Amino acid sequence: MSVVTSRQQQRQAGRDRTKGACAPGAVSQQIRALEVHFGVRLLDRGNREVRLSTDGLRLYANITPRSSSRRRRAAL
């Protein structure tokens, strides 16, 4: 799950490609394994862009305390 968190943080930080110690192929394999494990698509993959799917965003919100507190504030 840290891969999903890492991906969202990279996206929020302006796609800083210098972060992360994993090769892109290894990250893709880990994400695909998570998608199989959870039975949902976690990323929307386009020609030049990859972003979290609705299910990926939901998972991200559930595994990061900061985003969960934002979600609670937004609901108020």
Protein backbone atom coordinates (compact mmCIF):
# COMPACT_ATOMS: atom_id res chain seq x y z
CA MET A 1 0.00 0.00 0.00
CA SER A 2 2.94 2.30 0.45
CA VAL A 3 3.24 2.28 -3.34
CA VAL A 4 -0.20 3.86 -3.68
CA THR A 5 0.64 6.43 -1.01
CA SER A 6 3.96 7.14 -2.67
CA ARG A 7 2.31 7.61 -6.07
CA GLN A 8 -0.21 10.10 -4.74
CA GLN A 9 2.47 12.04 -2.87
CA GLN A 10 4.60 12.21 -6.01
CA ARG A 11 1.64 13.52 -7.97
CA GLN A 12 0.93 16.15 -5.34
CA ALA A 13 4.57 17.24 -5.29
CA GLY A 14 4.56 18.06 -8.98
CA ARG A 15 5.77 14.69 -10.17
CA ASP A 16 9.20 14.89 -8.67
CA ARG A 17 10.72 11.92 -10.44
CA THR A 18 13.85 11.92 -8.32
CA LYS A 19 12.00 10.50 -5.33
CA GLY A 20 11.58 6.80 -4.74
CA ALA A 21 14.12 4.03 -4.76
CA CYS A 22 12.19 1.58 -6.94
CA ALA A 23 12.55 1.10 -10.65
CA PRO A 24 9.40 2.02 -12.61
CA GLY A 25 8.91 -1.62 -13.66
CA ALA A 26 9.03 -2.79 -10.05
CA VAL A 27 6.45 -0.16 -9.04
CA SER A 28 4.15 -1.25 -11.89
CA GLN A 29 4.39 -4.88 -10.79
CA GLN A 30 3.62 -3.98 -7.18
CA ILE A 31 0.63 -1.89 -8.20
CA ARG A 32 -0.71 -4.66 -10.44
CA ALA A 33 -0.31 -7.13 -7.55
CA LEU A 34 -2.32 -4.77 -5.31
CA GLU A 35 -5.00 -4.45 -7.99
CA VAL A 36 -5.28 -8.23 -8.16
CA HIS A 37 -5.30 -8.52 -4.37
CA PHE A 38 -8.06 -5.94 -3.89
CA GLY A 39 -9.92 -6.85 -7.07
CA VAL A 40 -10.13 -3.23 -8.24
CA ARG A 41 -8.21 -0.95 -10.60
CA LEU A 42 -6.14 1.48 -8.53
CA LEU A 43 -4.76 3.59 -11.38
CA ASP A 44 -6.23 5.13 -14.49
CA ARG A 45 -3.53 4.78 -17.12
CA GLY A 46 -3.55 7.10 -20.11
CA ASN A 47 -1.11 7.70 -22.94
CA ARG A 48 0.97 10.22 -21.01
CA GLU A 49 -0.61 10.30 -17.60
CA VAL A 50 -1.26 7.97 -14.70
CA ARG A 51 -3.55 9.01 -11.88
CA LEU A 52 -5.34 7.28 -9.05
CA SER A 53 -8.72 5.83 -9.97
CA THR A 54 -11.76 6.38 -7.78
CA ASP A 55 -10.94 3.16 -5.93
CA GLY A 56 -7.29 4.19 -5.69
CA LEU A 57 -8.29 7.52 -4.16
CA ARG A 58 -10.56 5.73 -1.70
CA LEU A 59 -7.73 3.39 -0.67
CA TYR A 60 -5.34 6.34 -0.35
CA ALA A 61 -7.81 8.19 1.89
CA ASN A 62 -8.14 5.14 4.12
CA ILE A 63 -4.41 4.50 4.56
CA THR A 64 -3.22 8.06 5.18
CA PRO A 65 -4.30 9.81 8.37
CA ARG A 66 -3.73 13.29 6.94
CA SER A 67 -6.09 12.77 4.02
CA SER A 68 -8.67 11.18 6.32
CA SER A 69 -8.67 14.25 8.56
CA ARG A 70 -9.08 16.46 5.48
CA ARG A 71 -12.02 14.36 4.40
CA ARG A 72 -13.62 14.72 7.83
CA ARG A 73 -13.10 18.52 7.78
CA ALA A 74 -14.62 18.72 4.31
CA ALA A 75 -17.70 16.85 5.54
CA LEU A 76 -18.36 19.44 8.28
